[in-house]
C-alpha atoms as a PDB file:
ATOM      1  CA  MET A   1     -51.328  27.945-101.061  1.00  0.00           C
ATOM      2  CA  LEU A   2     -47.693  27.334-100.392  1.00  0.00           C
ATOM      3  CA  ASN A   3     -47.459  30.136 -97.975  1.00  0.00           C
ATOM      4  CA  ARG A   4     -50.807  29.035 -96.194  1.00  0.00           C
ATOM      5  CA  THR A   5     -49.252  25.428 -96.072  1.00  0.00           C
ATOM      6  CA  LEU A   6     -45.917  26.808 -94.616  1.00  0.00           C
ATOM      7  CA  ILE A   7     -47.725  29.125 -91.933  1.00  0.00           C
ATOM      8  CA  THR A   8     -49.860  26.074 -90.881  1.00  0.00           C
ATOM      9  CA  ALA A   9     -46.644  23.977 -90.515  1.00  0.00           C
ATOM     10  CA  LEU A  10     -44.799  26.382 -88.326  1.00  0.00           C
ATOM     11  CA  ALA A  11     -48.020  26.943 -86.101  1.00  0.00           C
ATOM     12  CA  ALA A  12     -48.205  23.153 -85.728  1.00  0.00           C
ATOM     13  CA  LEU A  13     -44.299  23.063 -84.843  1.00  0.00           C
ATOM     14  CA  ALA A  14     -44.773  26.128 -82.469  1.00  0.00           C
ATOM     15  CA  ALA A  15     -47.706  24.379 -80.748  1.00  0.00           C
ATOM     16  CA  ALA A  16     -45.778  21.281 -80.391  1.00  0.00           C
ATOM     17  CA  ALA A  17     -42.463  22.620 -78.883  1.00  0.00           C
ATOM     18  CA  PRO A  18     -42.144  22.623 -75.081  1.00  0.00           C
ATOM     19  CA  ALA A  19     -42.669  26.230 -73.505  1.00  0.00           C
ATOM     20  CA  LEU A  20     -39.529  27.528 -71.940  1.00  0.00           C
ATOM     21  CA  ALA A  21     -39.550  27.814 -68.441  1.00  0.00           C
ATOM     22  CA  ALA A  22     -39.268  31.532 -66.920  1.00  0.00           C
ATOM     23  CA  PRO A  23     -35.773  32.108 -65.672  1.00  0.00           C
ATOM     24  CA  ILE A  24     -34.818  31.729 -62.205  1.00  0.00           C
ATOM     25  CA  ASP A  25     -34.553  34.959 -60.396  1.00  0.00           C
ATOM     26  CA  MET A  26     -34.246  35.237 -56.661  1.00  0.00           C
ATOM     27  CA  THR A  27     -33.466  38.111 -54.436  1.00  0.00           C
ATOM     28  CA  ALA A  28     -32.550  38.286 -50.646  1.00  0.00           C
ATOM     29  CA  GLY A  29     -31.237  41.539 -49.126  1.00  0.00           C
ATOM     30  CA  ARG A  30     -28.162  42.740 -50.994  1.00  0.00           C
ATOM     31  CA  MET A  31     -28.072  39.383 -53.204  1.00  0.00           C
ATOM     32  CA  ARG A  32     -29.593  38.343 -56.231  1.00  0.00           C
ATOM     33  CA  PHE A  33     -29.104  35.220 -58.103  1.00  0.00           C
ATOM     34  CA  THR A  34     -30.301  34.694 -61.689  1.00  0.00           C
ATOM     35  CA  PHE A  35     -30.151  31.414 -63.806  1.00  0.00           C
ATOM     36  CA  ARG A  36     -30.802  31.227 -67.607  1.00  0.00           C
ATOM     37  CA  PRO A  37     -29.761  28.084 -69.294  1.00  0.00           C
ATOM     38  CA  ASN A  38     -26.172  28.037 -71.525  1.00  0.00           C
ATOM     39  CA  HIS A  39     -24.002  29.719 -68.916  1.00  0.00           C
ATOM     40  CA  GLY A  40     -26.558  31.964 -67.595  1.00  0.00           C
ATOM     41  CA  ALA A  41     -25.949  31.843 -63.740  1.00  0.00           C
ATOM     42  CA  ARG A  42     -25.232  35.100 -61.937  1.00  0.00           C
ATOM     43  CA  LEU A  43     -24.722  35.954 -58.462  1.00  0.00           C
ATOM     44  CA  THR A  44     -24.459  39.620 -57.403  1.00  0.00           C
ATOM     45  CA  VAL A  45     -24.370  41.651 -54.283  1.00  0.00           C
ATOM     46  CA  ASP A  46     -25.443  45.171 -54.564  1.00  0.00           C
ATOM     47  CA  GLY A  47     -25.462  44.644 -58.454  1.00  0.00           C
ATOM     48  CA  VAL A  48     -21.597  43.578 -58.432  1.00  0.00           C
ATOM     49  CA  ALA A  49     -21.172  40.207 -60.024  1.00  0.00           C
ATOM     50  CA  LEU A  50     -19.576  37.834 -57.858  1.00  0.00           C
ATOM     51  CA  ILE A  51     -20.277  34.720 -59.930  1.00  0.00           C
ATOM     52  CA  ARG A  52     -20.719  35.130 -63.475  1.00  0.00           C
ATOM     53  CA  GLU A  53     -21.405  31.739 -65.033  1.00  0.00           C
ATOM     54  CA  MET A  54     -21.150  27.928 -64.412  1.00  0.00           C
ATOM     55  CA  HIS A  55     -20.451  24.890 -66.481  1.00  0.00           C
ATOM     56  CA  LEU A  56     -21.336  21.111 -66.351  1.00  0.00           C
ATOM     57  CA  TYR A  57     -20.344  18.556 -68.889  1.00  0.00           C
ATOM     58  CA  MET A  58     -20.850  14.862 -68.207  1.00  0.00           C
ATOM     59  CA  VAL A  59     -18.625  12.688 -70.511  1.00  0.00           C
ATOM     60  CA  LYS A  60     -17.642   9.205 -71.309  1.00  0.00           C
ATOM     61  CA  PRO A  61     -14.379   8.242 -69.641  1.00  0.00           C
ATOM     62  CA  GLY A  62     -11.418   9.837 -71.229  1.00  0.00           C
ATOM     63  CA  TRP A  63     -13.565  12.568 -72.722  1.00  0.00           C
ATOM     64  CA  THR A  64     -14.386  10.034 -75.728  1.00  0.00           C
ATOM     65  CA  GLY A  65     -18.057  11.402 -75.930  1.00  0.00           C
ATOM     66  CA  HIS A  66     -20.655  13.618 -74.090  1.00  0.00           C
ATOM     67  CA  LEU A  67     -23.510  12.220 -72.140  1.00  0.00           C
ATOM     68  CA  LEU A  68     -24.947  15.407 -70.852  1.00  0.00           C
ATOM     69  CA  ASN A  69     -23.724  18.931 -71.996  1.00  0.00           C
ATOM     70  CA  ALA A  70     -25.477  21.536 -69.908  1.00  0.00           C
ATOM     71  CA  ASP A  71     -24.890  24.146 -72.741  1.00  0.00           C
ATOM     72  CA  ASN A  72     -27.216  22.560 -75.187  1.00  0.00           C
ATOM     73  CA  THR A  73     -29.603  20.535 -72.832  1.00  0.00           C
ATOM     74  CA  PRO A  74     -32.722  22.658 -71.967  1.00  0.00           C
ATOM     75  CA  PRO A  75     -33.134  22.186 -68.243  1.00  0.00           C
ATOM     76  CA  ILE A  76     -36.455  22.087 -66.267  1.00  0.00           C
ATOM     77  CA  LEU A  77     -36.535  25.049 -63.880  1.00  0.00           C
ATOM     78  CA  LYS A  78     -38.565  25.503 -60.660  1.00  0.00           C
ATOM     79  CA  GLN A  79     -38.444  28.280 -58.036  1.00  0.00           C
ATOM     80  CA  TRP A  80     -40.351  28.403 -54.876  1.00  0.00           C
ATOM     81  CA  SER A  81     -39.919  29.768 -51.203  1.00  0.00           C
ATOM     82  CA  GLU A  82     -40.305  28.160 -47.768  1.00  0.00           C
ATOM     83  CA  ASP A  83     -40.045  30.223 -44.423  1.00  0.00           C
ATOM     84  CA  GLY A  84     -38.168  33.153 -46.230  1.00  0.00           C
ATOM     85  CA  THR A  85     -35.542  30.977 -48.028  1.00  0.00           C
ATOM     86  CA  GLN A  86     -35.700  30.865 -51.646  1.00  0.00           C
ATOM     87  CA  PHE A  87     -35.225  27.710 -53.395  1.00  0.00           C
ATOM     88  CA  ALA A  88     -34.803  26.708 -57.338  1.00  0.00           C
ATOM     89  CA  THR A  89     -34.051  23.658 -59.170  1.00  0.00           C
ATOM     90  CA  ALA A  90     -32.667  23.270 -62.618  1.00  0.00           C
ATOM     91  CA  ASP A  91     -33.028  19.664 -63.997  1.00  0.00           C
ATOM     92  CA  PHE A  92     -31.326  18.403 -66.863  1.00  0.00           C
ATOM     93  CA  ASP A  93     -32.000  14.938 -68.449  1.00  0.00           C
ATOM     94  CA  THR A  94     -30.675  13.007 -71.710  1.00  0.00           C
ATOM     95  CA  GLU A  95     -30.859   9.534 -72.575  1.00  0.00           C
ATOM     96  CA  ASP A  96     -27.561   8.722 -70.959  1.00  0.00           C
ATOM     97  CA  ALA A  97     -27.385  10.900 -67.984  1.00  0.00           C
ATOM     98  CA  ARG A  98     -29.284  13.139 -65.610  1.00  0.00           C
ATOM     99  CA  ALA A  99     -27.951  16.125 -63.300  1.00  0.00           C
ATOM    100  CA  SER A 100     -29.852  18.784 -60.962  1.00  0.00           C
ATOM    101  CA  TYR A 101     -28.950  21.840 -59.549  1.00  0.00           C
ATOM    102  CA  LEU A 102     -30.439  22.983 -56.069  1.00  0.00           C
ATOM    103  CA  PHE A 103     -30.056  26.638 -55.314  1.00  0.00           C
ATOM    104  CA  GLU A 104     -30.624  28.410 -52.065  1.00  0.00           C
ATOM    105  CA  LEU A 105     -30.817  32.006 -51.162  1.00  0.00           C
ATOM    106  CA  ARG A 106     -31.339  32.584 -47.584  1.00  0.00           C
ATOM    107  CA  PRO A 107     -32.509  35.784 -45.980  1.00  0.00           C
ATOM    108  CA  ASP A 108     -29.189  36.092 -44.243  1.00  0.00           C
ATOM    109  CA  GLY A 109     -27.262  36.502 -47.530  1.00  0.00           C
ATOM    110  CA  THR A 110     -26.096  32.909 -47.634  1.00  0.00           C
ATOM    111  CA  PHE A 111     -26.154  31.317 -50.986  1.00  0.00           C
ATOM    112  CA  LYS A 112     -25.697  27.446 -51.558  1.00  0.00           C
ATOM    113  CA  GLN A 113     -25.461  25.448 -54.652  1.00  0.00           C
ATOM    114  CA  THR A 114     -25.858  21.543 -54.541  1.00  0.00           C
ATOM    115  CA  LEU A 115     -25.154  19.420 -57.649  1.00  0.00           C
ATOM    116  CA  SER A 116     -26.516  15.759 -58.099  1.00  0.00           C
ATOM    117  CA  TYR A 117     -25.883  13.719 -61.044  1.00  0.00           C
ATOM    118  CA  ALA A 118     -25.791  10.298 -62.386  1.00  0.00           C
ATOM    119  CA  GLY A 119     -25.038   8.337 -65.496  1.00  0.00           C
ATOM    120  CA  LYS A 120     -27.828   6.152 -66.549  1.00  0.00           C
ATOM    121  CA  GLY A 121     -26.089   2.789 -66.138  1.00  0.00           C
ATOM    122  CA  LYS A 122     -22.898   4.244 -67.704  1.00  0.00           C
ATOM    123  CA  PRO A 123     -19.661   5.060 -66.336  1.00  0.00           C
ATOM    124  CA  CYS A 124     -18.976   8.748 -66.385  1.00  0.00           C
ATOM    125  CA  GLU A 125     -16.620  11.533 -65.643  1.00  0.00           C
ATOM    126  CA  ILE A 126     -17.765  15.238 -64.928  1.00  0.00           C
ATOM    127  CA  GLU A 127     -16.392  18.774 -65.484  1.00  0.00           C
ATOM    128  CA  TRP A 128     -17.961  21.072 -63.406  1.00  0.00           C
ATOM    129  CA  THR A 129     -17.535  24.796 -62.744  1.00  0.00           C
ATOM    130  CA  SER A 130     -19.763  25.725 -59.970  1.00  0.00           C
ATOM    131  CA  GLY A 131     -19.149  29.463 -60.801  1.00  0.00           C
ATOM    132  CA  TYR A 132     -16.447  31.878 -62.323  1.00  0.00           C
ATOM    133  CA  ILE A 133     -15.820  34.057 -59.424  1.00  0.00           C
ATOM    134  CA  ASN A 134     -14.993  37.632 -59.921  1.00  0.00           C
ATOM    135  CA  ALA A 135     -11.431  38.132 -59.036  1.00  0.00           C
ATOM    136  CA  ASN A 136     -12.045  42.087 -58.384  1.00  0.00           C
ATOM    137  CA  VAL A 137     -14.318  40.994 -55.405  1.00  0.00           C
ATOM    138  CA  ILE A 138     -11.889  38.722 -53.604  1.00  0.00           C
ATOM    139  CA  GLU A 139      -8.740  40.352 -54.560  1.00  0.00           C
ATOM    140  CA  GLY A 140      -6.614  41.118 -51.366  1.00  0.00           C
ATOM    141  CA  THR A 141      -8.424  38.954 -49.273  1.00  0.00           C
ATOM    142  CA  ASN A 142      -6.699  36.123 -47.116  1.00  0.00           C
ATOM    143  CA  TYR A 143      -7.195  32.356 -48.032  1.00  0.00           C
ATOM    144  CA  LYS A 144      -6.440  29.206 -46.506  1.00  0.00           C
ATOM    145  CA  ALA A 145      -6.763  25.881 -48.766  1.00  0.00           C
ATOM    146  CA  ASP A 146      -6.079  22.159 -47.997  1.00  0.00           C
ATOM    147  CA  THR A 147      -4.115  20.919 -51.062  1.00  0.00           C
ATOM    148  CA  VAL A 148      -2.488  17.539 -51.817  1.00  0.00           C
ATOM    149  CA  GLU A 149       0.709  18.919 -50.711  1.00  0.00           C
ATOM    150  CA  GLY A 150      -0.783  20.134 -47.493  1.00  0.00           C
ATOM    151  CA  GLU A 151      -2.152  23.355 -46.172  1.00  0.00           C
ATOM    152  CA  ARG A 152      -1.364  26.686 -48.074  1.00  0.00           C
ATOM    153  CA  SER A 153      -2.316  30.083 -47.053  1.00  0.00           C
ATOM    154  CA  GLY A 154      -1.920  33.657 -48.484  1.00  0.00           C
ATOM    155  CA  VAL A 155      -3.417  36.756 -50.086  1.00  0.00           C
ATOM    156  CA  VAL A 156      -5.401  36.381 -53.277  1.00  0.00           C
ATOM    157  CA  PRO A 157      -3.548  38.429 -55.893  1.00  0.00           C
ATOM    158  CA  LEU A 158      -5.724  40.167 -58.717  1.00  0.00           C
ATOM    159  CA  PHE A 159      -3.580  38.194 -61.545  1.00  0.00           C
ATOM    160  CA  ALA A 160      -2.357  34.978 -61.312  1.00  0.00           C
ATOM    161  CA  ALA A 161       1.398  34.179 -60.580  1.00  0.00           C
ATOM    162  CA  SER A 162       1.502  31.901 -63.567  1.00  0.00           C
ATOM    163  CA  ASP A 163      -0.407  30.583 -66.626  1.00  0.00           C
ATOM    164  CA  ASP A 164       0.348  26.868 -65.303  1.00  0.00           C
ATOM    165  CA  GLN A 165      -2.765  26.032 -63.734  1.00  0.00           C
ATOM    166  CA  ALA A 166      -0.923  23.640 -61.084  1.00  0.00           C
ATOM    167  CA  LYS A 167       0.844  26.923 -59.878  1.00  0.00           C
END
């Protein structure tokens, strides 16, 4: 009898649990973008990873507590296409905050990511990594950057010159 009760309880829990959305999977030409919860973002070109993951944390000022941690907040995922461009959203919602990604993969091989977020009546700070970029893909290319100290330019090295992030 205990086994039958346990099986009935587990079946009821499974039926009440929200269904997991299918992962986002978009392809255009040589590019493919996939998104799964918990760091599962990946943008590849000819199968080579350009972006391998992303992170989002919304916190109380001074990192005194989490309002939204995308690592453990299941998103609602949607995907569609319009005029050859593929779109997808990943919407995160907690009692204290909300965030929404919009991903676009265009037929010309352009990828765009937009993040919208808000604390629900609470001040917040964010830590957002829009994508960990594969250094091997950009090593040796020229860059130009506007920094607080003025414009800088150079060649992307394979390895960082220092472990000091400011350098």
